[in-house]
PDB file of N, CA and C in Angstrom:
ATOM      1  N   MET A   1     177.913  28.593 -56.759  1.00  0.00           N
ATOM      2  CA  MET A   1     178.110  29.920 -57.271  1.00  0.00           C
ATOM      3  C   MET A   1     177.948  29.892 -58.777  1.00  0.00           C
ATOM      4  N   SER A   2     177.439  30.990 -59.301  1.00  0.00           N
ATOM      5  CA  SER A   2     177.196  31.093 -60.728  1.00  0.00           C
ATOM      6  C   SER A   2     178.049  32.204 -61.328  1.00  0.00           C
ATOM      7  N   VAL A   3     178.665  31.904 -62.464  1.00  0.00           N
ATOM      8  CA  VAL A   3     179.516  32.866 -63.140  1.00  0.00           C
ATOM      9  C   VAL A   3     179.146  32.860 -64.612  1.00  0.00           C
ATOM     10  N   GLY A   4     179.204  34.035 -65.245  1.00  0.00           N
ATOM     11  CA  GLY A   4     178.987  34.090 -66.682  1.00  0.00           C
ATOM     12  C   GLY A   4     177.664  34.718 -67.060  1.00  0.00           C
ATOM     13  N   LEU A   5     177.347  34.617 -68.343  1.00  0.00           N
ATOM     14  CA  LEU A   5     176.134  35.186 -68.897  1.00  0.00           C
ATOM     15  C   LEU A   5     174.909  34.638 -68.170  1.00  0.00           C
ATOM     16  N   GLY A   6     174.080  35.529 -67.667  1.00  0.00           N
ATOM     17  CA  GLY A   6     172.864  35.111 -66.971  1.00  0.00           C
ATOM     18  C   GLY A   6     173.036  34.875 -65.481  1.00  0.00           C
ATOM     19  N   ALA A   7     174.252  35.049 -64.971  1.00  0.00           N
ATOM     20  CA  ALA A   7     174.502  34.780 -63.544  1.00  0.00           C
ATOM     21  C   ALA A   7     173.658  35.664 -62.639  1.00  0.00           C
ATOM     22  N   LEU A   8     173.378  36.881 -63.079  1.00  0.00           N
ATOM     23  CA  LEU A   8     172.568  37.795 -62.271  1.00  0.00           C
ATOM     24  C   LEU A   8     171.194  37.202 -61.968  1.00  0.00           C
ATOM     25  N   ASN A   9     170.672  36.429 -62.875  1.00  0.00           N
ATOM     26  CA  ASN A   9     169.364  35.809 -62.669  1.00  0.00           C
ATOM     27  C   ASN A   9     169.371  34.806 -61.519  1.00  0.00           C
ATOM     28  N   GLU A  10     170.532  34.354 -61.112  1.00  0.00           N
ATOM     29  CA  GLU A  10     170.650  33.354 -60.056  1.00  0.00           C
ATOM     30  C   GLU A  10     171.122  33.938 -58.725  1.00  0.00           C
ATOM     31  N   ILE A  11     171.200  35.273 -58.629  1.00  0.00           N
ATOM     32  CA  ILE A  11     171.772  35.890 -57.437  1.00  0.00           C
ATOM     33  C   ILE A  11     170.976  35.570 -56.175  1.00  0.00           C
ATOM     34  N   GLY A  12     169.660  35.506 -56.291  1.00  0.00           N
ATOM     35  CA  GLY A  12     168.848  35.168 -55.119  1.00  0.00           C
ATOM     36  C   GLY A  12     169.175  33.786 -54.585  1.00  0.00           C
ATOM     37  N   GLU A  13     169.317  32.825 -55.475  1.00  0.00           N
ATOM     38  CA  GLU A  13     169.659  31.461 -55.080  1.00  0.00           C
ATOM     39  C   GLU A  13     171.053  31.405 -54.448  1.00  0.00           C
ATOM     40  N   VAL A  14     171.992  32.126 -55.020  1.00  0.00           N
ATOM     41  CA  VAL A  14     173.361  32.165 -54.474  1.00  0.00           C
ATOM     42  C   VAL A  14     173.337  32.742 -53.064  1.00  0.00           C
ATOM     43  N   PHE A  15     172.587  33.812 -52.858  1.00  0.00           N
ATOM     44  CA  PHE A  15     172.497  34.413 -51.528  1.00  0.00           C
ATOM     45  C   PHE A  15     171.806  33.480 -50.540  1.00  0.00           C
ATOM     46  N   ARG A  16     170.739  32.812 -50.973  1.00  0.00           N
ATOM     47  CA  ARG A  16     170.059  31.863 -50.072  1.00  0.00           C
ATOM     48  C   ARG A  16     170.998  30.727 -49.666  1.00  0.00           C
ATOM     49  N   GLN A  17     171.755  30.207 -50.631  1.00  0.00           N
ATOM     50  CA  GLN A  17     172.683  29.117 -50.334  1.00  0.00           C
ATOM     51  C   GLN A  17     173.783  29.548 -49.374  1.00  0.00           C
ATOM     52  N   SER A  18     174.124  30.823 -49.390  1.00  0.00           N
ATOM     53  CA  SER A  18     175.186  31.306 -48.499  1.00  0.00           C
ATOM     54  C   SER A  18     174.631  31.817 -47.172  1.00  0.00           C
ATOM     55  N   ASN A  19     173.320  31.620 -46.956  1.00  0.00           N
ATOM     56  CA  ASN A  19     172.658  32.065 -45.726  1.00  0.00           C
ATOM     57  C   ASN A  19     172.841  33.556 -45.480  1.00  0.00           C
ATOM     58  N   ALA A  20     172.737  34.348 -46.538  1.00  0.00           N
ATOM     59  CA  ALA A  20     172.855  35.801 -46.407  1.00  0.00           C
ATOM     60  C   ALA A  20     171.721  36.324 -45.527  1.00  0.00           C
ATOM     61  N   PRO A  21     172.015  37.335 -44.716  1.00  0.00           N
ATOM     62  CA  PRO A  21     170.960  37.921 -43.885  1.00  0.00           C
ATOM     63  C   PRO A  21     169.928  38.638 -44.747  1.00  0.00           C
ATOM     64  N   ASN A  22     168.774  38.906 -44.182  1.00  0.00           N
ATOM     65  CA  ASN A  22     167.682  39.521 -44.938  1.00  0.00           C
ATOM     66  C   ASN A  22     167.932  40.993 -45.259  1.00  0.00           C
ATOM     67  N   LYS A  23     168.506  41.753 -44.339  1.00  0.00           N
ATOM     68  CA  LYS A  23     168.700  43.188 -44.576  1.00  0.00           C
ATOM     69  C   LYS A  23     170.123  43.435 -45.043  1.00  0.00           C
ATOM     70  N   LEU A  24     170.239  43.879 -46.292  1.00  0.00           N
ATOM     71  CA  LEU A  24     171.538  44.056 -46.931  1.00  0.00           C
ATOM     72  C   LEU A  24     171.785  45.515 -47.286  1.00  0.00           C
ATOM     73  N   PHE A  25     173.020  45.946 -47.140  1.00  0.00           N
ATOM     74  CA  PHE A  25     173.457  47.284 -47.533  1.00  0.00           C
ATOM     75  C   PHE A  25     174.351  47.116 -48.748  1.00  0.00           C
ATOM     76  N   LEU A  26     173.906  47.619 -49.884  1.00  0.00           N
ATOM     77  CA  LEU A  26     174.599  47.438 -51.150  1.00  0.00           C
ATOM     78  C   LEU A  26     175.365  48.716 -51.508  1.00  0.00           C
ATOM     79  N   ILE A  27     176.684  48.583 -51.673  1.00  0.00           N
ATOM     80  CA  ILE A  27     177.545  49.714 -51.996  1.00  0.00           C
ATOM     81  C   ILE A  27     178.045  49.556 -53.429  1.00  0.00           C
ATOM     82  N   MET A  28     177.957  50.661 -54.182  1.00  0.00           N
ATOM     83  CA  MET A  28     178.396  50.635 -55.575  1.00  0.00           C
ATOM     84  C   MET A  28     178.860  52.028 -55.991  1.00  0.00           C
ATOM     85  N   GLY A  29     179.560  52.089 -57.106  1.00  0.00           N
ATOM     86  CA  GLY A  29     179.943  53.364 -57.691  1.00  0.00           C
ATOM     87  C   GLY A  29     178.920  53.793 -58.723  1.00  0.00           C
ATOM     88  N   PRO A  30     179.016  55.026 -59.224  1.00  0.00           N
ATOM     89  CA  PRO A  30     178.020  55.517 -60.170  1.00  0.00           C
ATOM     90  C   PRO A  30     178.004  54.770 -61.506  1.00  0.00           C
ATOM     91  N   THR A  31     179.152  54.386 -62.014  1.00  0.00           N
ATOM     92  CA  THR A  31     179.193  53.658 -63.278  1.00  0.00           C
ATOM     93  C   THR A  31     178.630  52.256 -63.102  1.00  0.00           C
ATOM     94  N   THR A  32     179.046  51.593 -62.046  1.00  0.00           N
ATOM     95  CA  THR A  32     178.548  50.240 -61.780  1.00  0.00           C
ATOM     96  C   THR A  32     177.051  50.252 -61.527  1.00  0.00           C
ATOM     97  N   ARG A  33     176.572  51.312 -60.916  1.00  0.00           N
ATOM     98  CA  ARG A  33     175.125  51.403 -60.684  1.00  0.00           C
ATOM     99  C   ARG A  33     174.380  51.290 -62.007  1.00  0.00           C
ATOM    100  N   LYS A  34     174.846  52.008 -63.001  1.00  0.00           N
ATOM    101  CA  LYS A  34     174.191  51.983 -64.315  1.00  0.00           C
ATOM    102  C   LYS A  34     174.342  50.628 -64.992  1.00  0.00           C
ATOM    103  N   LEU A  35     175.532  50.038 -64.879  1.00  0.00           N
ATOM    104  CA  LEU A  35     175.809  48.782 -65.583  1.00  0.00           C
ATOM    105  C   LEU A  35     175.142  47.571 -64.950  1.00  0.00           C
ATOM    106  N   SER A  36     175.171  47.502 -63.605  1.00  0.00           N
ATOM    107  CA  SER A  36     174.625  46.302 -62.961  1.00  0.00           C
ATOM    108  C   SER A  36     174.109  46.521 -61.541  1.00  0.00           C
ATOM    109  N   GLY A  37     174.492  47.601 -60.901  1.00  0.00           N
ATOM    110  CA  GLY A  37     174.111  47.804 -59.501  1.00  0.00           C
ATOM    111  C   GLY A  37     172.619  47.854 -59.262  1.00  0.00           C
ATOM    112  N   ASP A  38     171.907  48.648 -60.093  1.00  0.00           N
ATOM    113  CA  ASP A  38     170.458  48.720 -59.936  1.00  0.00           C
ATOM    114  C   ASP A  38     169.804  47.361 -60.209  1.00  0.00           C
ATOM    115  N   ALA A  39     170.371  46.614 -61.156  1.00  0.00           N
ATOM    116  CA  ALA A  39     169.832  45.285 -61.459  1.00  0.00           C
ATOM    117  C   ALA A  39     170.037  44.326 -60.295  1.00  0.00           C
ATOM    118  N   VAL A  40     171.195  44.387 -59.656  1.00  0.00           N
ATOM    119  CA  VAL A  40     171.464  43.544 -58.486  1.00  0.00           C
ATOM    120  C   VAL A  40     170.496  43.895 -57.362  1.00  0.00           C
ATOM    121  N   ALA A  41     170.349  45.191 -57.079  1.00  0.00           N
ATOM    122  CA  ALA A  41     169.431  45.620 -56.021  1.00  0.00           C
ATOM    123  C   ALA A  41     168.006  45.175 -56.331  1.00  0.00           C
ATOM    124  N   GLY A  42     167.593  45.339 -57.571  1.00  0.00           N
ATOM    125  CA  GLY A  42     166.238  44.938 -57.958  1.00  0.00           C
ATOM    126  C   GLY A  42     166.009  43.449 -57.840  1.00  0.00           C
ATOM    127  N   ARG A  43     166.981  42.686 -58.261  1.00  0.00           N
ATOM    128  CA  ARG A  43     166.855  41.224 -58.210  1.00  0.00           C
ATOM    129  C   ARG A  43     166.789  40.755 -56.754  1.00  0.00           C
ATOM    130  N   LEU A  44     167.650  41.301 -55.899  1.00  0.00           N
ATOM    131  CA  LEU A  44     167.639  40.901 -54.490  1.00  0.00           C
ATOM    132  C   LEU A  44     166.326  41.299 -53.818  1.00  0.00           C
ATOM    133  N   THR A  45     165.828  42.484 -54.148  1.00  0.00           N
ATOM    134  CA  THR A  45     164.542  42.919 -53.600  1.00  0.00           C
ATOM    135  C   THR A  45     163.432  41.977 -54.058  1.00  0.00           C
ATOM    136  N   LYS A  46     163.439  41.629 -55.322  1.00  0.00           N
ATOM    137  CA  LYS A  46     162.437  40.701 -55.864  1.00  0.00           C
ATOM    138  C   LYS A  46     162.500  39.345 -55.174  1.00  0.00           C
ATOM    139  N   GLU A  47     163.698  38.954 -54.754  1.00  0.00           N
ATOM    140  CA  GLU A  47     163.886  37.663 -54.066  1.00  0.00           C
ATOM    141  C   GLU A  47     163.535  37.740 -52.575  1.00  0.00           C
ATOM    142  N   GLY A  48     163.099  38.921 -52.103  1.00  0.00           N
ATOM    143  CA  GLY A  48     162.644  39.052 -50.730  1.00  0.00           C
ATOM    144  C   GLY A  48     163.628  39.682 -49.765  1.00  0.00           C
ATOM    145  N   TYR A  49     164.769  40.105 -50.259  1.00  0.00           N
ATOM    146  CA  TYR A  49     165.746  40.765 -49.399  1.00  0.00           C
ATOM    147  C   TYR A  49     165.389  42.236 -49.233  1.00  0.00           C
ATOM    148  N   ASN A  50     165.662  42.766 -48.062  1.00  0.00           N
ATOM    149  CA  ASN A  50     165.497  44.187 -47.785  1.00  0.00           C
ATOM    150  C   ASN A  50     166.838  44.844 -48.119  1.00  0.00           C
ATOM    151  N   VAL A  51     166.874  45.657 -49.169  1.00  0.00           N
ATOM    152  CA  VAL A  51     168.124  46.192 -49.687  1.00  0.00           C
ATOM    153  C   VAL A  51     168.161  47.711 -49.554  1.00  0.00           C
ATOM    154  N   VAL A  52     169.207  48.200 -48.933  1.00  0.00           N
ATOM    155  CA  VAL A  52     169.495  49.633 -48.865  1.00  0.00           C
ATOM    156  C   VAL A  52     170.689  49.871 -49.780  1.00  0.00           C
ATOM    157  N   THR A  53     170.588  50.839 -50.685  1.00  0.00           N
ATOM    158  CA  THR A  53     171.697  51.093 -51.611  1.00  0.00           C
ATOM    159  C   THR A  53     172.393  52.406 -51.288  1.00  0.00           C
ATOM    160  N   HIS A  54     173.676  52.422 -51.605  1.00  0.00           N
ATOM    161  CA  HIS A  54     174.481  53.629 -51.413  1.00  0.00           C
ATOM    162  C   HIS A  54     175.481  53.724 -52.557  1.00  0.00           C
ATOM    163  N   VAL A  55     175.485  54.866 -53.241  1.00  0.00           N
ATOM    164  CA  VAL A  55     176.406  55.096 -54.348  1.00  0.00           C
ATOM    165  C   VAL A  55     177.557  55.966 -53.854  1.00  0.00           C
ATOM    166  N   ILE A  56     178.776  55.471 -54.052  1.00  0.00           N
ATOM    167  CA  ILE A  56     179.981  56.187 -53.637  1.00  0.00           C
ATOM    168  C   ILE A  56     180.526  56.981 -54.816  1.00  0.00           C
ATOM    169  N   GLU A  57     180.666  58.251 -54.636  1.00  0.00           N
ATOM    170  CA  GLU A  57     181.267  59.134 -55.647  1.00  0.00           C
ATOM    171  C   GLU A  57     182.691  59.456 -55.215  1.00  0.00           C
ATOM    172  N   GLY A  58     183.635  59.376 -56.134  1.00  0.00           N
ATOM    173  CA  GLY A  58     184.986  59.835 -55.823  1.00  0.00           C
ATOM    174  C   GLY A  58     185.956  58.780 -55.347  1.00  0.00           C
ATOM    175  N   GLY A  59     185.598  57.519 -55.412  1.00  0.00           N
ATOM    176  CA  GLY A  59     186.561  56.464 -55.108  1.00  0.00           C
ATOM    177  C   GLY A  59     186.759  56.165 -53.638  1.00  0.00           C
ATOM    178  N   ALA A  60     187.834  55.418 -53.377  1.00  0.00           N
ATOM    179  CA  ALA A  60     188.111  54.899 -52.035  1.00  0.00           C
ATOM    180  C   ALA A  60     188.874  55.913 -51.205  1.00  0.00           C
ATOM    181  N   THR A  61     188.168  56.907 -50.715  1.00  0.00           N
ATOM    182  CA  THR A  61     188.781  57.875 -49.808  1.00  0.00           C
ATOM    183  C   THR A  61     188.390  57.518 -48.383  1.00  0.00           C
ATOM    184  N   PHE A  62     189.150  58.011 -47.440  1.00  0.00           N
ATOM    185  CA  PHE A  62     188.828  57.768 -46.038  1.00  0.00           C
ATOM    186  C   PHE A  62     187.457  58.349 -45.699  1.00  0.00           C
ATOM    187  N   ASP A  63     187.173  59.550 -46.195  1.00  0.00           N
ATOM    188  CA  ASP A  63     185.874  60.168 -45.920  1.00  0.00           C
ATOM    189  C   ASP A  63     184.722  59.333 -46.487  1.00  0.00           C
ATOM    190  N   ASN A  64     184.886  58.804 -47.694  1.00  0.00           N
ATOM    191  CA  ASN A  64     183.842  57.952 -48.279  1.00  0.00           C
ATOM    192  C   ASN A  64     183.659  56.671 -47.479  1.00  0.00           C
ATOM    193  N   ALA A  65     184.754  56.104 -47.014  1.00  0.00           N
ATOM    194  CA  ALA A  65     184.674  54.875 -46.214  1.00  0.00           C
ATOM    195  C   ALA A  65     183.977  55.147 -44.885  1.00  0.00           C
ATOM    196  N   GLU A  66     184.324  56.238 -44.237  1.00  0.00           N
ATOM    197  CA  GLU A  66     183.687  56.582 -42.957  1.00  0.00           C
ATOM    198  C   GLU A  66     182.211  56.901 -43.146  1.00  0.00           C
ATOM    199  N   ASP A  67     181.871  57.578 -44.243  1.00  0.00           N
ATOM    200  CA  ASP A  67     180.470  57.880 -44.538  1.00  0.00           C
ATOM    201  C   ASP A  67     179.685  56.585 -44.762  1.00  0.00           C
ATOM    202  N   ALA A  68     180.261  55.667 -45.511  1.00  0.00           N
ATOM    203  CA  ALA A  68     179.598  54.382 -45.754  1.00  0.00           C
ATOM    204  C   ALA A  68     179.421  53.618 -44.447  1.00  0.00           C
ATOM    205  N   LEU A  69     180.430  53.623 -43.604  1.00  0.00           N
ATOM    206  CA  LEU A  69     180.349  52.948 -42.309  1.00  0.00           C
ATOM    207  C   LEU A  69     179.207  53.528 -41.472  1.00  0.00           C
ATOM    208  N   ARG A  70     179.129  54.843 -41.427  1.00  0.00           N
ATOM    209  CA  ARG A  70     178.060  55.503 -40.670  1.00  0.00           C
ATOM    210  C   ARG A  70     176.688  55.114 -41.224  1.00  0.00           C
ATOM    211  N   ARG A  71     176.555  55.111 -42.539  1.00  0.00           N
ATOM    212  CA  ARG A  71     175.277  54.778 -43.163  1.00  0.00           C
ATOM    213  C   ARG A  71     174.883  53.324 -42.910  1.00  0.00           C
ATOM    214  N   VAL A  72     175.848  52.430 -42.942  1.00  0.00           N
ATOM    215  CA  VAL A  72     175.557  51.023 -42.657  1.00  0.00           C
ATOM    216  C   VAL A  72     175.037  50.878 -41.233  1.00  0.00           C
ATOM    217  N   LYS A  73     175.710  51.510 -40.292  1.00  0.00           N
ATOM    218  CA  LYS A  73     175.276  51.433 -38.886  1.00  0.00           C
ATOM    219  C   LYS A  73     173.865  51.989 -38.717  1.00  0.00           C
ATOM    220  N   GLU A  74     173.598  53.143 -39.342  1.00  0.00           N
ATOM    221  CA  GLU A  74     172.289  53.769 -39.225  1.00  0.00           C
ATOM    222  C   GLU A  74     171.185  52.928 -39.868  1.00  0.00           C
ATOM    223  N   SER A  75     171.528  52.194 -40.901  1.00  0.00           N
ATOM    224  CA  SER A  75     170.529  51.405 -41.637  1.00  0.00           C
ATOM    225  C   SER A  75     170.075  50.158 -40.882  1.00  0.00           C
ATOM    226  N   GLY A  76     170.919  49.679 -39.984  1.00  0.00           N
ATOM    227  CA  GLY A  76     170.601  48.433 -39.295  1.00  0.00           C
ATOM    228  C   GLY A  76     170.824  47.202 -40.159  1.00  0.00           C
ATOM    229  N   ALA A  77     171.529  47.376 -41.270  1.00  0.00           N
ATOM    230  CA  ALA A  77     171.796  46.259 -42.176  1.00  0.00           C
ATOM    231  C   ALA A  77     172.591  45.174 -41.463  1.00  0.00           C
ATOM    232  N   GLU A  78     172.339  43.941 -41.862  1.00  0.00           N
ATOM    233  CA  GLU A  78     173.012  42.787 -41.273  1.00  0.00           C
ATOM    234  C   GLU A  78     174.097  42.221 -42.181  1.00  0.00           C
ATOM    235  N   GLY A  79     174.167  42.731 -43.409  1.00  0.00           N
ATOM    236  CA  GLY A  79     175.162  42.277 -44.365  1.00  0.00           C
ATOM    237  C   GLY A  79     175.505  43.400 -45.328  1.00  0.00           C
ATOM    238  N   ILE A  80     176.725  43.358 -45.866  1.00  0.00           N
ATOM    239  CA  ILE A  80     177.197  44.376 -46.791  1.00  0.00           C
ATOM    240  C   ILE A  80     177.559  43.692 -48.103  1.00  0.00           C
ATOM    241  N   VAL A  81     177.097  44.283 -49.194  1.00  0.00           N
ATOM    242  CA  VAL A  81     177.362  43.741 -50.521  1.00  0.00           C
ATOM    243  C   VAL A  81     178.029  44.829 -51.352  1.00  0.00           C
ATOM    244  N   GLY A  82     179.131  44.494 -51.988  1.00  0.00           N
ATOM    245  CA  GLY A  82     179.795  45.424 -52.887  1.00  0.00           C
ATOM    246  C   GLY A  82     179.561  45.009 -54.322  1.00  0.00           C
ATOM    247  N   VAL A  83     179.157  45.975 -55.153  1.00  0.00           N
ATOM    248  CA  VAL A  83     179.000  45.733 -56.579  1.00  0.00           C
ATOM    249  C   VAL A  83     179.945  46.703 -57.283  1.00  0.00           C
ATOM    250  N   GLY A  84     180.986  46.156 -57.881  1.00  0.00           N
ATOM    251  CA  GLY A  84     181.944  47.019 -58.558  1.00  0.00           C
ATOM    252  C   GLY A  84     183.333  46.442 -58.505  1.00  0.00           C
ATOM    253  N   GLY A  85     184.275  47.340 -58.672  1.00  0.00           N
ATOM    254  CA  GLY A  85     185.667  46.927 -58.747  1.00  0.00           C
ATOM    255  C   GLY A  85     186.473  47.382 -57.557  1.00  0.00           C
ATOM    256  N   ASP A  86     187.713  47.627 -57.799  1.00  0.00           N
ATOM    257  CA  ASP A  86     188.736  47.860 -56.780  1.00  0.00           C
ATOM    258  C   ASP A  86     188.336  48.793 -55.639  1.00  0.00           C
ATOM    259  N   SER A  87     188.054  50.050 -55.942  1.00  0.00           N
ATOM    260  CA  SER A  87     187.832  51.017 -54.864  1.00  0.00           C
ATOM    261  C   SER A  87     186.557  50.717 -54.083  1.00  0.00           C
ATOM    262  N   ILE A  88     185.519  50.258 -54.762  1.00  0.00           N
ATOM    263  CA  ILE A  88     184.280  49.925 -54.051  1.00  0.00           C
ATOM    264  C   ILE A  88     184.505  48.728 -53.141  1.00  0.00           C
ATOM    265  N   ILE A  89     185.187  47.735 -53.629  1.00  0.00           N
ATOM    266  CA  ILE A  89     185.453  46.549 -52.814  1.00  0.00           C
ATOM    267  C   ILE A  89     186.351  46.905 -51.632  1.00  0.00           C
ATOM    268  N   ASP A  90     187.300  47.811 -51.835  1.00  0.00           N
ATOM    269  CA  ASP A  90     188.137  48.279 -50.717  1.00  0.00           C
ATOM    270  C   ASP A  90     187.280  48.915 -49.627  1.00  0.00           C
ATOM    271  N   ILE A  91     186.332  49.734 -50.012  1.00  0.00           N
ATOM    272  CA  ILE A  91     185.458  50.365 -49.019  1.00  0.00           C
ATOM    273  C   ILE A  91     184.594  49.326 -48.329  1.00  0.00           C
ATOM    274  N   VAL A  92     184.070  48.366 -49.063  1.00  0.00           N
ATOM    275  CA  VAL A  92     183.242  47.310 -48.462  1.00  0.00           C
ATOM    276  C   VAL A  92     184.066  46.513 -47.450  1.00  0.00           C
ATOM    277  N   LYS A  93     185.305  46.213 -47.783  1.00  0.00           N
ATOM    278  CA  LYS A  93     186.167  45.481 -46.838  1.00  0.00           C
ATOM    279  C   LYS A  93     186.415  46.315 -45.592  1.00  0.00           C
ATOM    280  N   TYR A  94     186.665  47.594 -45.754  1.00  0.00           N
ATOM    281  CA  TYR A  94     186.882  48.492 -44.612  1.00  0.00           C
ATOM    282  C   TYR A  94     185.639  48.518 -43.716  1.00  0.00           C
ATOM    283  N   VAL A  95     184.495  48.738 -44.323  1.00  0.00           N
ATOM    284  CA  VAL A  95     183.246  48.815 -43.562  1.00  0.00           C
ATOM    285  C   VAL A  95     182.953  47.489 -42.878  1.00  0.00           C
ATOM    286  N   GLY A  96     183.175  46.400 -43.579  1.00  0.00           N
ATOM    287  CA  GLY A  96     182.911  45.080 -43.010  1.00  0.00           C
ATOM    288  C   GLY A  96     183.819  44.749 -41.827  1.00  0.00           C
ATOM    289  N   PHE A  97     185.039  45.244 -41.872  1.00  0.00           N
ATOM    290  CA  PHE A  97     185.965  45.003 -40.786  1.00  0.00           C
ATOM    291  C   PHE A  97     185.533  45.746 -39.554  1.00  0.00           C
TER     292      PHE A  97
END
């Protein structure tokens, strides 16, 4: 695993080492999307992953979690990736469960 300045450049290698599935559903908030979410999606796509992105507005609400769950199922994604902090990670854990 890579941490620190430049770690984003190694995300493809980290995912390959963890045997991540090819089709990923990436969940992020609007602020994180601007700061790093689009970069994560772009890097994973460049590394050959099929990435579907979803931006959650309004935090960790039950409706947002259910909407994300529905979208993941419809996408056929084989893995879920959360980019962000507390509320986004809470939704990713809910959807993953």
